[in-house]
Amino acid sequence: MEGSGSSIGGFLMFMALAIIGVIIILGLLLFAAAFLVVLVPLIVILLVVGAAKGWWKKRHPPKELESPEDYWR
């Protein structure tokens, strides 16, 4: 009789640990997915903004001031 009760307790402990393990793994996967969902668009936006700023500076160089009127506009 004693062996039977011990195996049931062991089985219940195994199931509890398995459920906790699955919850932890799924939580980590959910965190990783949410992290990527936020991080990837953020990186893409930063790259696009950086490229646009570089393009703007290349197409619109700073004006060279040559006469006194240029300083007072």
Protein backbone atom coordinates (compact mmCIF):
# COMPACT_ATOMS: atom_id res chain seq x y z
CA MET A 1 0.00 0.00 0.00
CA GLU A 2 2.75 2.36 0.89
CA GLY A 3 4.38 2.12 -2.54
CA SER A 4 1.12 3.06 -4.23
CA GLY A 5 0.64 6.28 -2.22
CA SER A 6 4.22 7.30 -2.76
CA SER A 7 3.95 6.87 -6.52
CA ILE A 8 0.77 8.96 -6.63
CA GLY A 9 2.47 11.73 -4.65
CA GLY A 10 5.48 11.54 -6.95
CA PHE A 11 3.23 11.71 -9.98
CA LEU A 12 1.41 14.75 -8.59
CA MET A 13 4.74 16.44 -7.81
CA PHE A 14 5.97 15.67 -11.33
CA MET A 15 2.79 17.10 -12.87
CA ALA A 16 3.02 20.25 -10.74
CA LEU A 17 6.66 20.80 -11.73
CA ALA A 18 5.86 20.08 -15.39
CA ILE A 19 3.01 22.62 -15.36
CA ILE A 20 5.22 25.24 -13.68
CA GLY A 21 7.98 24.55 -16.22
CA VAL A 22 5.60 24.94 -19.16
CA ILE A 23 4.24 28.20 -17.72
CA ILE A 24 7.78 29.57 -17.29
CA ILE A 25 8.84 28.54 -20.81
CA LEU A 26 5.69 30.01 -22.37
CA GLY A 27 6.17 33.20 -20.37
CA LEU A 28 9.74 33.55 -21.62
CA LEU A 29 8.62 32.93 -25.20
CA LEU A 30 5.84 35.50 -24.83
CA PHE A 31 8.32 38.02 -23.41
CA ALA A 32 10.74 37.36 -26.29
CA ALA A 33 7.95 37.79 -28.86
CA ALA A 34 6.76 41.05 -27.28
CA PHE A 35 10.36 42.28 -27.09
CA LEU A 36 10.86 41.59 -30.80
CA VAL A 37 7.52 43.16 -31.72
CA VAL A 38 8.67 46.38 -30.03
CA LEU A 39 12.38 46.24 -30.91
CA VAL A 40 12.25 45.46 -34.65
CA PRO A 41 9.97 48.40 -35.62
CA LEU A 42 11.97 50.70 -33.34
CA ILE A 43 15.22 49.77 -35.11
CA VAL A 44 13.59 50.16 -38.53
CA ILE A 45 12.24 53.60 -37.58
CA LEU A 46 15.65 54.72 -36.29
CA LEU A 47 17.35 53.53 -39.48
CA VAL A 48 14.81 55.32 -41.68
CA VAL A 49 15.11 58.55 -39.68
CA GLY A 50 18.92 58.38 -39.80
CA ALA A 51 18.89 57.76 -43.55
CA ALA A 52 16.43 60.62 -44.10
CA LYS A 53 18.58 63.01 -42.05
CA GLY A 54 21.68 62.03 -44.02
CA TRP A 55 19.84 62.46 -47.30
CA TRP A 56 18.50 65.87 -46.19
CA LYS A 57 21.95 67.12 -45.20
CA LYS A 58 23.38 65.91 -48.50
CA ARG A 59 20.65 67.59 -50.56
CA HIS A 60 20.53 70.79 -48.48
CA PRO A 61 24.04 71.79 -47.45
CA PRO A 62 24.37 74.72 -45.05
CA LYS A 63 24.31 78.12 -46.71
CA GLU A 64 27.60 79.94 -46.82
CA LEU A 65 27.29 83.46 -45.47
CA GLU A 66 28.96 85.92 -47.83
CA SER A 67 27.57 89.39 -47.21
CA PRO A 68 26.31 91.33 -44.15
CA GLU A 69 22.71 90.87 -45.36
CA ASP A 70 23.09 87.12 -44.94
CA TYR A 71 23.72 87.59 -41.22
CA TRP A 72 20.63 89.69 -40.55
CA ARG A 73 17.91 87.65 -42.25
